[in-house]
Amino acid sequence: MTDCIVAEGLEMHFRGCDALSGVNLNVPHGSVFALLGENGAGKTTFIRILTGYQIPSSGRCTIMGLDPIQNALDIRRRIGYVSDAPALYDWMRIDEIGWFASSFYPDGFLDRYREAIVRYELPADRKIKHLSKGQRAKVALSLAVAHDPELLILDEPTSGLDPLVRREFMESMVERAASGKTVLLSSHQISEVERVADYIAILHQGKVRLVSDLASLRETVSEVTLSINDPLTTLPLLSEPAEVLSEQKTGRQIRWIVRGWNELLHQAVAGWPGVLGIRDRPATLEEVFVACTRGSDATKQSTGNASSVRGAHVPSESGSNNESDQSDRHAS
């Protein structure tokens, strides 16, 4: 079966801004796929291209085998979408807006919508303008899933919501994926994504810095701390396929976030001249995210050890390692 979403070389250039720069991404069917990135990383632009609201400057993508430029209406009928600020008719009641939306969809929409608002404990007779932000988000989600879409796209949907509402929101995404549907979740809330995602992609300055299934990421990315005898010590190069995502140096201590770290590398580095001790542990998703989005800054701030990561891949503001990006996008 083909992937639910396939993006190849997507670029989006605005005046004075490159929102996307060569994005390659595959989203498997029946998964919760999290697109992580800071505000302004290009997440919303990517979603607008997927849904046919924005024509890319170059590149192509398909959604459920359809071209968003040629088949935008067909795609919108088959997907659900929830933004961080859902546009709802404030003068309608909760039950009225479901009845109104049902006219655009096949039979069964209204029944499923009513079931959803009961599950979310929403007062059917209350007007939209009197709802809290969390209640508005629940109405938007109820509308988005009432036609049982094959793909649900969530663009920062839990921004500003209280922790309990966020947890309910995210748990419902796992249920959808378990039923064979696909969820694309755009967020910068690391902790909530870590609980529900099957796959993650980290977007930074319009580029995909890393793509992996979450289980593999936990097994292959480590935080490595080296104790050295002299702050001016120059260390040898890490051997490939190890990939240094970020480096920080403070006095006689060097901290790496490394992808592809293993016991053989541990033993090799422990034997380097000048290395007094070494500790490693699995990196958290938050540490990986910071490494991919701030790794270049950390490397610039380090002193006297720039050569120790030469030859290993360190994300930079000017570009990324294309071969690594190409292989990463097939990780799923």
Protein backbone atom coordinates (compact mmCIF):
# COMPACT_ATOMS: atom_id res chain seq x y z
CA MET A 1 0.00 0.00 0.00
CA THR A 2 1.30 3.48 -0.87
CA ASP A 3 1.90 5.99 1.90
CA CYS A 4 -0.95 8.27 2.90
CA ILE A 5 1.18 11.39 2.28
CA VAL A 6 4.18 11.62 -0.04
CA ALA A 7 6.11 14.88 -0.40
CA GLU A 8 9.06 15.22 -2.76
CA GLY A 9 11.25 18.29 -2.93
CA LEU A 10 8.59 20.71 -1.72
CA GLU A 11 9.70 24.32 -1.75
CA MET A 12 7.74 27.45 -0.88
CA HIS A 13 9.32 30.84 -1.38
CA PHE A 14 7.74 34.10 -0.30
CA ARG A 15 9.28 37.52 -0.68
CA GLY A 16 12.17 37.62 1.76
CA CYS A 17 11.34 34.20 3.21
CA ASP A 18 11.93 30.56 2.27
CA ALA A 19 9.12 28.80 4.16
CA LEU A 20 10.01 25.33 2.81
CA SER A 21 13.31 24.24 1.27
CA GLY A 22 13.28 20.80 -0.34
CA VAL A 23 10.97 18.91 2.04
CA ASN A 24 10.85 15.14 1.50
CA LEU A 25 8.42 13.25 3.69
CA ASN A 26 6.44 9.99 3.68
CA VAL A 27 3.55 9.45 6.12
CA PRO A 28 2.43 5.80 6.42
CA HIS A 29 -1.23 4.80 6.54
CA GLY A 30 -2.70 3.97 9.95
CA SER A 31 -0.20 5.96 11.99
CA VAL A 32 0.06 9.04 14.17
CA PHE A 33 2.75 11.11 12.47
CA ALA A 34 4.01 14.14 14.40
CA LEU A 35 5.52 17.11 12.59
CA LEU A 36 7.59 18.96 15.18
CA GLY A 37 8.98 22.43 14.80
CA GLU A 38 9.23 25.86 16.33
CA ASN A 39 6.81 28.61 15.41
CA GLY A 40 7.75 29.72 11.90
CA ALA A 41 9.45 26.43 10.99
CA GLY A 42 7.12 25.90 8.00
CA LYS A 43 4.60 23.45 9.49
CA THR A 44 1.46 25.41 8.58
CA THR A 45 2.78 26.18 5.09
CA PHE A 46 3.33 22.46 4.57
CA ILE A 47 -0.24 21.70 5.67
CA ARG A 48 -1.67 24.42 3.40
CA ILE A 49 0.11 22.80 0.46
CA LEU A 50 -1.22 19.36 1.41
CA THR A 51 -4.80 20.64 1.54
CA GLY A 52 -4.59 22.55 -1.75
CA TYR A 53 -4.76 26.04 -0.25
CA GLN A 54 -1.20 26.86 -1.30
CA ILE A 55 0.57 25.98 -4.55
CA PRO A 56 4.25 25.18 -3.89
CA SER A 57 7.03 27.03 -5.67
CA SER A 58 8.43 23.64 -6.71
CA GLY A 59 8.21 19.96 -5.86
CA ARG A 60 5.16 17.74 -5.62
CA CYS A 61 3.05 15.85 -3.11
CA THR A 62 0.17 13.40 -3.04
CA ILE A 63 -2.50 12.83 -0.40
CA MET A 64 -4.08 9.37 -0.51
CA GLY A 65 -2.78 9.16 -4.07
CA LEU A 66 -4.37 12.47 -5.10
CA ASP A 67 -2.69 15.67 -6.27
CA PRO A 68 -3.70 18.64 -4.06
CA ILE A 69 -3.52 21.01 -7.01
CA GLN A 70 -5.71 18.94 -9.33
CA ASN A 71 -7.93 17.23 -6.74
CA ALA A 72 -8.20 19.75 -3.88
CA LEU A 73 -11.97 19.32 -3.37
CA ASP A 74 -11.77 15.52 -3.39
CA ILE A 75 -9.01 15.67 -0.79
CA ARG A 76 -10.95 18.04 1.47
CA ARG A 77 -13.96 15.72 1.39
CA ARG A 78 -11.81 12.83 2.58
CA ILE A 79 -9.80 14.56 5.30
CA GLY A 80 -10.59 16.28 8.60
CA TYR A 81 -8.75 19.41 9.68
CA VAL A 82 -8.44 21.19 13.01
CA SER A 83 -6.39 24.36 13.40
CA ASP A 84 -5.17 26.11 16.54
CA ALA A 85 -7.94 28.72 16.08
CA PRO A 86 -10.95 26.94 14.52
CA ALA A 87 -13.26 29.17 12.46
CA LEU A 88 -16.78 28.51 13.76
CA TYR A 89 -20.06 30.42 13.38
CA ASP A 90 -20.35 32.09 16.78
CA TRP A 91 -24.08 32.77 16.47
CA MET A 92 -24.90 29.06 16.05
CA ARG A 93 -25.53 26.57 18.84
CA ILE A 94 -23.39 23.44 19.11
CA ASP A 95 -26.18 21.24 17.74
CA GLU A 96 -26.96 23.72 14.94
CA ILE A 97 -23.43 23.84 13.59
CA GLY A 98 -23.39 20.05 13.34
CA TRP A 99 -26.71 20.06 11.50
CA PHE A 100 -25.39 22.77 9.15
CA ALA A 101 -22.16 20.90 8.37
CA SER A 102 -23.99 17.61 7.81
CA SER A 103 -25.47 18.96 4.57
CA PHE A 104 -22.00 18.77 2.99
CA TYR A 105 -21.37 15.13 3.88
CA PRO A 106 -22.97 11.69 3.39
CA ASP A 107 -25.54 10.17 5.74
CA GLY A 108 -24.22 9.30 9.16
CA PHE A 109 -22.36 12.57 9.73
CA LEU A 110 -24.93 14.05 12.09
CA ASP A 111 -25.28 10.88 14.18
CA ARG A 112 -21.50 10.63 14.64
CA TYR A 113 -21.29 14.35 15.45
CA ARG A 114 -23.94 14.01 18.15
CA GLU A 115 -22.14 11.01 19.60
CA ALA A 116 -18.91 13.04 19.72
CA ILE A 117 -20.38 16.03 21.55
CA VAL A 118 -21.94 13.67 24.11
CA ARG A 119 -18.55 11.97 24.59
CA TYR A 120 -16.89 15.36 25.08
CA GLU A 121 -19.70 16.45 27.43
CA LEU A 122 -20.55 19.50 25.34
CA PRO A 123 -23.89 21.31 25.98
CA ALA A 124 -25.75 20.95 22.67
CA ASP A 125 -27.91 24.05 23.22
CA ARG A 126 -25.08 26.45 24.03
CA LYS A 127 -23.99 29.03 21.46
CA ILE A 128 -20.48 28.84 20.07
CA LYS A 129 -19.68 32.38 21.24
CA HIS A 130 -20.20 31.32 24.85
CA LEU A 131 -17.77 28.40 24.73
CA SER A 132 -14.32 28.26 26.28
CA LYS A 133 -11.30 27.68 24.05
CA GLY A 134 -11.20 24.03 25.09
CA GLN A 135 -14.89 23.55 24.26
CA ARG A 136 -14.41 25.22 20.86
CA ALA A 137 -11.54 22.82 20.15
CA LYS A 138 -13.78 19.87 21.02
CA VAL A 139 -16.51 21.15 18.69
CA ALA A 140 -13.95 21.56 15.90
CA LEU A 141 -12.65 18.04 16.45
CA SER A 142 -16.20 16.64 16.51
CA LEU A 143 -16.90 18.31 13.16
CA ALA A 144 -13.59 17.14 11.71
CA VAL A 145 -14.11 13.45 12.52
CA ALA A 146 -17.90 13.13 12.05
CA HIS A 147 -17.49 12.02 8.43
CA ASP A 148 -14.89 9.44 9.55
CA PRO A 149 -12.02 10.86 7.43
CA GLU A 150 -9.19 8.70 6.18
CA LEU A 151 -6.73 11.40 7.22
CA LEU A 152 -7.03 13.83 10.14
CA ILE A 153 -4.73 16.86 10.09
CA LEU A 154 -4.19 18.76 13.32
CA ASP A 155 -2.27 22.05 13.24
CA GLU A 156 -1.29 22.99 16.81
CA PRO A 157 -4.77 21.92 17.97
CA THR A 158 -4.04 21.91 21.71
CA SER A 159 -2.36 25.31 21.91
CA GLY A 160 -3.59 27.09 25.02
CA LEU A 161 -5.72 24.20 26.28
CA ASP A 162 -5.56 22.93 29.84
CA PRO A 163 -3.65 19.66 30.47
CA LEU A 164 -6.75 17.48 30.93
CA VAL A 165 -8.32 18.62 27.65
CA ARG A 166 -4.99 18.13 25.84
CA ARG A 167 -4.71 14.58 27.18
CA GLU A 168 -8.26 13.70 26.05
CA PHE A 169 -7.56 15.26 22.66
CA MET A 170 -4.37 13.28 22.10
CA GLU A 171 -5.74 9.97 23.34
CA SER A 172 -8.53 10.18 20.77
CA MET A 173 -5.83 10.36 18.07
CA VAL A 174 -4.39 7.02 19.18
CA GLU A 175 -7.85 5.48 18.91
CA ARG A 176 -8.16 6.72 15.32
CA ALA A 177 -4.82 5.27 14.30
CA ALA A 178 -5.77 1.95 15.92
CA SER A 179 -8.81 1.83 13.64
CA GLY A 180 -6.60 2.19 10.54
CA LYS A 181 -6.96 5.94 10.03
CA THR A 182 -4.02 8.33 9.70
CA VAL A 183 -3.29 11.37 11.85
CA LEU A 184 -0.83 14.13 10.91
CA LEU A 185 -0.15 16.18 14.01
CA SER A 186 1.71 19.47 13.80
CA SER A 187 2.96 20.64 17.17
CA HIS A 188 5.79 22.03 19.26
CA GLN A 189 4.48 20.39 22.45
CA ILE A 190 7.11 17.67 22.84
CA SER A 191 5.71 15.84 25.87
CA GLU A 192 2.24 15.28 24.46
CA VAL A 193 3.60 14.15 21.09
CA GLU A 194 5.91 11.64 22.76
CA ARG A 195 2.90 9.90 24.33
CA VAL A 196 0.99 9.27 21.11
CA ALA A 197 3.19 9.47 18.00
CA ASP A 198 4.37 6.48 15.97
CA TYR A 199 6.65 8.58 13.76
CA ILE A 200 8.17 12.02 14.11
CA ALA A 201 9.72 14.52 11.72
CA ILE A 202 11.56 17.60 12.93
CA LEU A 203 11.22 20.68 10.74
CA HIS A 204 13.59 23.61 11.21
CA GLN A 205 13.83 26.70 9.03
CA GLY A 206 11.88 24.98 6.26
CA LYS A 207 14.04 21.86 6.18
CA VAL A 208 13.41 18.35 7.49
CA ARG A 209 16.23 17.75 9.93
CA LEU A 210 15.27 14.26 11.06
CA VAL A 211 12.64 11.59 10.32
CA SER A 212 12.25 8.40 12.33
CA ASP A 213 9.83 6.10 14.02
CA LEU A 214 9.80 6.97 17.71
CA ALA A 215 10.88 3.51 18.89
CA SER A 216 14.01 3.54 16.70
CA LEU A 217 14.82 7.09 17.73
CA ARG A 218 14.88 6.10 21.39
CA GLU A 219 17.21 3.19 20.61
CA THR A 220 19.64 4.98 18.30
CA VAL A 221 20.08 8.53 19.67
CA SER A 222 22.16 9.03 22.80
CA GLU A 223 23.35 11.82 25.03
CA VAL A 224 27.11 11.38 25.48
CA THR A 225 29.12 13.31 28.06
CA LEU A 226 32.93 13.30 27.89
CA SER A 227 35.29 14.42 30.65
CA ILE A 228 38.61 15.66 29.23
CA ASN A 229 41.89 16.58 30.94
CA ASP A 230 42.41 19.89 29.13
CA PRO A 231 39.84 22.38 27.73
CA LEU A 232 42.08 22.83 24.67
CA THR A 233 42.15 19.11 23.87
CA THR A 234 41.40 18.35 20.21
CA LEU A 235 39.67 15.00 19.84
CA PRO A 236 39.74 12.63 16.82
CA LEU A 237 36.80 12.35 14.46
CA LEU A 238 33.79 10.16 15.17
CA SER A 239 33.58 7.37 12.62
CA GLU A 240 30.55 7.06 10.35
CA PRO A 241 27.70 6.26 10.44
CA ALA A 242 27.62 8.13 13.76
CA GLU A 243 25.92 11.49 13.34
CA VAL A 244 26.55 14.31 15.80
CA LEU A 245 23.36 16.36 16.03
CA SER A 246 24.75 18.89 18.50
CA GLU A 247 27.81 19.64 20.61
CA GLN A 248 28.23 21.72 23.75
CA LYS A 249 31.49 22.29 25.56
CA THR A 250 31.82 23.67 29.07
CA GLY A 251 35.30 23.71 30.57
CA ARG A 252 36.55 20.14 30.75
CA GLN A 253 33.24 18.59 29.72
CA ILE A 254 31.84 17.95 26.23
CA ARG A 255 28.22 16.95 25.63
CA TRP A 256 27.06 15.40 22.38
CA ILE A 257 23.69 14.30 21.08
CA VAL A 258 24.67 11.46 18.76
CA ARG A 259 22.65 9.35 16.38
CA GLY A 260 24.06 5.87 15.77
CA TRP A 261 25.94 5.61 19.07
CA ASN A 262 26.80 2.06 20.12
CA GLU A 263 29.00 0.08 22.48
CA LEU A 264 31.89 -0.13 19.98
CA LEU A 265 31.96 3.65 19.67
CA HIS A 266 31.77 3.96 23.44
CA GLN A 267 34.85 1.78 23.85
CA ALA A 268 36.71 3.58 21.06
CA VAL A 269 36.04 7.08 22.41
CA ALA A 270 36.85 6.00 25.97
CA GLY A 271 40.34 5.12 24.72
CA TRP A 272 41.04 8.47 23.03
CA PRO A 273 44.00 10.45 24.44
CA GLY A 274 42.78 13.15 26.79
CA VAL A 275 39.44 11.49 27.59
CA LEU A 276 39.19 10.84 31.33
CA GLY A 277 35.67 9.45 31.44
CA ILE A 278 32.54 8.94 29.38
CA ARG A 279 28.86 8.58 30.20
CA ASP A 280 26.02 7.87 27.81
CA ARG A 281 22.28 7.35 28.03
CA PRO A 282 19.30 7.36 25.62
CA ALA A 283 18.39 10.92 24.62
CA THR A 284 14.88 12.19 25.24
CA LEU A 285 12.74 13.44 22.37
CA GLU A 286 13.06 16.95 23.79
CA GLU A 287 16.85 16.70 23.68
CA VAL A 288 16.74 15.46 20.10
CA PHE A 289 14.40 18.30 19.16
CA VAL A 290 16.68 20.91 20.75
CA ALA A 291 19.72 19.34 19.05
CA CYS A 292 18.07 19.51 15.62
CA THR A 293 16.82 23.07 16.04
CA ARG A 294 19.63 24.57 18.12
CA GLY A 295 22.53 22.24 17.38
CA SER A 296 24.31 24.68 15.09
CA ASP A 297 24.10 27.42 17.72
CA ALA A 298 25.57 25.11 20.35
CA THR A 299 28.42 24.16 18.03
CA LYS A 300 29.20 27.81 17.29
CA GLN A 301 29.38 28.55 21.00
CA SER A 302 31.81 25.70 21.74
CA THR A 303 35.48 26.62 21.81
CA GLY A 304 38.64 24.72 20.98
CA ASN A 305 36.94 21.53 19.79
CA ALA A 306 35.40 22.31 16.41
CA SER A 307 37.51 19.66 14.70
CA SER A 308 36.06 16.89 16.87
CA VAL A 309 32.83 16.87 14.87
CA ARG A 310 34.29 17.60 11.47
CA GLY A 311 33.11 14.96 9.02
CA ALA A 312 30.03 14.05 11.09
CA HIS A 313 26.67 15.59 10.18
CA VAL A 314 25.84 18.68 12.20
CA PRO A 315 22.68 20.57 11.13
CA SER A 316 23.49 24.09 10.00
CA GLU A 317 21.42 27.14 9.25
CA SER A 318 22.65 27.21 5.68
CA GLY A 319 21.59 23.69 4.76
CA SER A 320 21.32 20.03 5.66
CA ASN A 321 22.92 16.78 4.63
CA ASN A 322 20.84 15.78 1.62
CA GLU A 323 21.92 12.17 1.56
CA SER A 324 20.94 11.79 5.20
CA ASP A 325 17.59 13.47 4.55
CA GLN A 326 16.93 11.16 1.60
CA SER A 327 17.63 8.04 3.61
CA ASP A 328 15.77 9.27 6.68
CA ARG A 329 12.54 9.74 4.84
CA HIS A 330 12.42 6.03 4.14
CA ALA A 331 12.78 5.19 7.82
CA SER A 332 9.07 4.50 8.02
